[in-house]
Amino acid sequence: MEKLKKSKSLKKSKETALVVKLIKTQRKQKEVNRVLKLKHEILLKSEVSYLEYIEMRSELERLNTLKETFMRRLEKLKQLAK
């Protein structure tokens, strides 16, 4: 009986940790999406110098990579949660 309780509590703690990771990853992904949207708006609405444009473009590439990484991580976590 005691072994069963430990097993259940271990499973519950793993599920809780998984949910926490999922929530944190979703929060990070939302923030990356927000920053990406802002950067795109800045590029579209304002006239920036070529140097600023190059810097923003490299930053956008980095943010897009981060976005894809978070998407993959979320998919993995969702599969583990099932």
N, C-alpha and C. Protein backbone atom coordinates (compact mmCIF):
# COMPACT_ATOMS: atom_id res chain seq x y z
N MET A 1 0.82 -1.20 0.00
CA MET A 1 0.00 0.00 0.00
C MET A 1 0.87 1.27 0.00
N GLU A 2 1.92 1.23 0.80
CA GLU A 2 2.80 2.40 0.90
C GLU A 2 3.52 2.64 -0.43
N LYS A 3 3.88 1.55 -1.10
CA LYS A 3 4.55 1.67 -2.39
C LYS A 3 3.63 2.30 -3.42
N LEU A 4 2.35 1.96 -3.36
CA LEU A 4 1.35 2.51 -4.27
C LEU A 4 1.20 4.02 -4.06
N LYS A 5 1.20 4.45 -2.80
CA LYS A 5 1.09 5.88 -2.50
C LYS A 5 2.30 6.65 -3.05
N LYS A 6 3.49 6.07 -2.87
CA LYS A 6 4.70 6.72 -3.38
C LYS A 6 4.64 6.83 -4.90
N SER A 7 4.17 5.77 -5.52
CA SER A 7 4.07 5.75 -6.98
C SER A 7 3.10 6.82 -7.47
N LYS A 8 1.96 6.93 -6.79
CA LYS A 8 0.97 7.94 -7.19
C LYS A 8 1.51 9.35 -6.97
N SER A 9 2.16 9.57 -5.84
CA SER A 9 2.69 10.92 -5.56
C SER A 9 3.82 11.26 -6.53
N LEU A 10 4.63 10.28 -6.90
CA LEU A 10 5.70 10.51 -7.87
C LEU A 10 5.11 10.87 -9.23
N LYS A 11 4.07 10.14 -9.62
CA LYS A 11 3.42 10.41 -10.90
C LYS A 11 2.79 11.80 -10.90
N LYS A 12 2.16 12.15 -9.78
CA LYS A 12 1.52 13.46 -9.67
C LYS A 12 2.56 14.58 -9.73
N SER A 13 3.69 14.39 -9.07
CA SER A 13 4.73 15.43 -9.10
C SER A 13 5.33 15.57 -10.49
N LYS A 14 5.47 14.45 -11.22
CA LYS A 14 5.96 14.53 -12.60
C LYS A 14 4.97 15.28 -13.48
N GLU A 15 3.68 15.00 -13.29
CA GLU A 15 2.66 15.69 -14.08
C GLU A 15 2.66 17.18 -13.76
N THR A 16 2.81 17.52 -12.50
CA THR A 16 2.84 18.92 -12.09
C THR A 16 4.05 19.62 -12.71
N ALA A 17 5.20 18.98 -12.67
CA ALA A 17 6.41 19.56 -13.27
C ALA A 17 6.22 19.75 -14.76
N LEU A 18 5.56 18.80 -15.40
CA LEU A 18 5.31 18.89 -16.84
C LEU A 18 4.40 20.06 -17.16
N VAL A 19 3.36 20.23 -16.35
CA VAL A 19 2.43 21.35 -16.55
C VAL A 19 3.15 22.68 -16.35
N VAL A 20 4.00 22.76 -15.35
CA VAL A 20 4.75 23.99 -15.10
C VAL A 20 5.67 24.30 -16.28
N LYS A 21 6.36 23.28 -16.80
CA LYS A 21 7.23 23.49 -17.96
C LYS A 21 6.42 23.95 -19.16
N LEU A 22 5.26 23.35 -19.34
CA LEU A 22 4.38 23.71 -20.46
C LEU A 22 3.95 25.16 -20.35
N ILE A 23 3.54 25.58 -19.17
CA ILE A 23 3.09 26.96 -18.95
C ILE A 23 4.24 27.95 -19.17
N LYS A 24 5.42 27.63 -18.64
CA LYS A 24 6.58 28.51 -18.81
C LYS A 24 6.96 28.65 -20.28
N THR A 25 6.94 27.53 -20.99
CA THR A 25 7.30 27.56 -22.41
C THR A 25 6.28 28.36 -23.21
N GLN A 26 5.00 28.20 -22.89
CA GLN A 26 3.97 28.97 -23.57
C GLN A 26 4.14 30.46 -23.31
N ARG A 27 4.48 30.81 -22.09
CA ARG A 27 4.69 32.21 -21.74
C ARG A 27 5.87 32.80 -22.52
N LYS A 28 6.95 32.04 -22.61
CA LYS A 28 8.12 32.49 -23.36
C LYS A 28 7.79 32.64 -24.84
N GLN A 29 7.03 31.68 -25.36
CA GLN A 29 6.66 31.74 -26.77
C GLN A 29 5.80 32.97 -27.05
N LYS A 30 4.87 33.28 -26.16
CA LYS A 30 4.03 34.47 -26.33
C LYS A 30 4.88 35.74 -26.35
N GLU A 31 5.88 35.79 -25.48
CA GLU A 31 6.75 36.97 -25.42
C GLU A 31 7.56 37.11 -26.70
N VAL A 32 8.08 36.01 -27.21
CA VAL A 32 8.84 36.04 -28.46
C VAL A 32 7.94 36.51 -29.60
N ASN A 33 6.71 35.99 -29.64
CA ASN A 33 5.77 36.40 -30.68
C ASN A 33 5.45 37.89 -30.59
N ARG A 34 5.31 38.39 -29.37
CA ARG A 34 5.02 39.81 -29.17
C ARG A 34 6.17 40.67 -29.68
N VAL A 35 7.39 40.29 -29.34
CA VAL A 35 8.56 41.06 -29.77
C VAL A 35 8.71 40.99 -31.29
N LEU A 36 8.48 39.82 -31.86
CA LEU A 36 8.54 39.68 -33.32
C LEU A 36 7.54 40.60 -34.00
N LYS A 37 6.34 40.62 -33.49
CA LYS A 37 5.30 41.48 -34.06
C LYS A 37 5.72 42.95 -33.99
N LEU A 38 6.25 43.36 -32.85
CA LEU A 38 6.72 44.74 -32.68
C LEU A 38 7.82 45.09 -33.67
N LYS A 39 8.78 44.20 -33.81
CA LYS A 39 9.89 44.45 -34.73
C LYS A 39 9.40 44.57 -36.17
N HIS A 40 8.46 43.71 -36.55
CA HIS A 40 7.90 43.79 -37.90
C HIS A 40 7.19 45.12 -38.12
N GLU A 41 6.43 45.55 -37.12
CA GLU A 41 5.72 46.83 -37.23
C GLU A 41 6.71 47.99 -37.35
N ILE A 42 7.77 47.95 -36.58
CA ILE A 42 8.79 49.00 -36.65
C ILE A 42 9.39 49.06 -38.05
N LEU A 43 9.70 47.90 -38.59
CA LEU A 43 10.28 47.86 -39.94
C LEU A 43 9.31 48.38 -40.99
N LEU A 44 8.05 48.04 -40.84
CA LEU A 44 7.06 48.45 -41.84
C LEU A 44 6.68 49.92 -41.76
N LYS A 45 6.59 50.46 -40.56
CA LYS A 45 6.07 51.82 -40.38
C LYS A 45 7.11 52.92 -40.40
N SER A 46 8.33 52.58 -40.14
CA SER A 46 9.32 53.66 -40.04
C SER A 46 10.44 53.48 -41.05
N GLU A 47 11.07 54.57 -41.31
CA GLU A 47 12.23 54.53 -42.18
C GLU A 47 13.46 54.34 -41.30
N VAL A 48 14.12 53.24 -41.51
CA VAL A 48 15.31 52.96 -40.71
C VAL A 48 16.52 52.97 -41.63
N SER A 49 17.65 53.25 -41.05
CA SER A 49 18.88 53.25 -41.84
C SER A 49 19.23 51.82 -42.24
N TYR A 50 20.11 51.71 -43.19
CA TYR A 50 20.50 50.39 -43.67
C TYR A 50 21.13 49.57 -42.54
N LEU A 51 21.96 50.20 -41.74
CA LEU A 51 22.61 49.51 -40.63
C LEU A 51 21.57 49.00 -39.62
N GLU A 52 20.60 49.87 -39.30
CA GLU A 52 19.52 49.44 -38.39
C GLU A 52 18.72 48.30 -38.99
N TYR A 53 18.49 48.39 -40.29
CA TYR A 53 17.75 47.33 -40.98
C TYR A 53 18.49 45.99 -40.88
N ILE A 54 19.78 46.01 -41.11
CA ILE A 54 20.59 44.79 -41.04
C ILE A 54 20.56 44.21 -39.63
N GLU A 55 20.70 45.08 -38.63
CA GLU A 55 20.65 44.63 -37.24
C GLU A 55 19.29 44.03 -36.91
N MET A 56 18.23 44.70 -37.34
CA MET A 56 16.88 44.20 -37.07
C MET A 56 16.63 42.88 -37.78
N ARG A 57 17.13 42.77 -38.98
CA ARG A 57 16.93 41.54 -39.74
C ARG A 57 17.59 40.36 -39.05
N SER A 58 18.81 40.56 -38.55
CA SER A 58 19.48 39.47 -37.85
C SER A 58 18.76 39.14 -36.54
N GLU A 59 18.24 40.17 -35.88
CA GLU A 59 17.48 39.93 -34.66
C GLU A 59 16.17 39.19 -34.96
N LEU A 60 15.52 39.54 -36.05
CA LEU A 60 14.30 38.85 -36.46
C LEU A 60 14.57 37.38 -36.78
N GLU A 61 15.68 37.12 -37.42
CA GLU A 61 16.06 35.73 -37.71
C GLU A 61 16.26 34.95 -36.42
N ARG A 62 16.93 35.58 -35.46
CA ARG A 62 17.17 34.93 -34.17
C ARG A 62 15.86 34.66 -33.45
N LEU A 63 14.96 35.64 -33.46
CA LEU A 63 13.67 35.48 -32.80
C LEU A 63 12.81 34.42 -33.49
N ASN A 64 12.87 34.35 -34.80
CA ASN A 64 12.12 33.31 -35.51
C ASN A 64 12.64 31.92 -35.15
N THR A 65 13.95 31.80 -35.00
CA THR A 65 14.53 30.53 -34.59
C THR A 65 14.05 30.16 -33.19
N LEU A 66 14.04 31.14 -32.30
CA LEU A 66 13.53 30.91 -30.95
C LEU A 66 12.07 30.47 -30.98
N LYS A 67 11.29 31.12 -31.80
CA LYS A 67 9.87 30.80 -31.93
C LYS A 67 9.69 29.35 -32.36
N GLU A 68 10.45 28.92 -33.36
CA GLU A 68 10.37 27.54 -33.83
C GLU A 68 10.81 26.56 -32.75
N THR A 69 11.84 26.92 -31.99
CA THR A 69 12.32 26.07 -30.90
C THR A 69 11.23 25.89 -29.85
N PHE A 70 10.57 26.98 -29.49
CA PHE A 70 9.50 26.89 -28.50
C PHE A 70 8.33 26.07 -29.02
N MET A 71 8.03 26.20 -30.30
CA MET A 71 6.93 25.42 -30.87
C MET A 71 7.24 23.92 -30.78
N ARG A 72 8.47 23.55 -31.11
CA ARG A 72 8.86 22.14 -31.02
C ARG A 72 8.83 21.66 -29.58
N ARG A 73 9.32 22.49 -28.67
CA ARG A 73 9.34 22.12 -27.26
C ARG A 73 7.92 21.95 -26.72
N LEU A 74 7.01 22.84 -27.14
CA LEU A 74 5.62 22.71 -26.72
C LEU A 74 4.99 21.43 -27.23
N GLU A 75 5.27 21.08 -28.47
CA GLU A 75 4.73 19.84 -29.04
C GLU A 75 5.22 18.63 -28.25
N LYS A 76 6.51 18.62 -27.90
CA LYS A 76 7.06 17.52 -27.11
C LYS A 76 6.38 17.42 -25.76
N LEU A 77 6.23 18.58 -25.10
CA LEU A 77 5.61 18.59 -23.77
C LEU A 77 4.16 18.15 -23.83
N LYS A 78 3.44 18.57 -24.87
CA LYS A 78 2.05 18.16 -25.02
C LYS A 78 1.94 16.66 -25.24
N GLN A 79 2.87 16.10 -26.01
CA GLN A 79 2.87 14.65 -26.23
C GLN A 79 3.17 13.91 -24.94
N LEU A 80 4.09 14.43 -24.14
CA LEU A 80 4.40 13.81 -22.86
C LEU A 80 3.23 13.89 -21.89
N ALA A 81 2.45 14.96 -22.01
CA ALA A 81 1.31 15.15 -21.10
C ALA A 81 0.17 14.18 -21.39
N LYS A 82 0.13 13.67 -22.62
CA LYS A 82 -0.94 12.73 -22.98
C LYS A 82 -0.75 11.42 -22.36
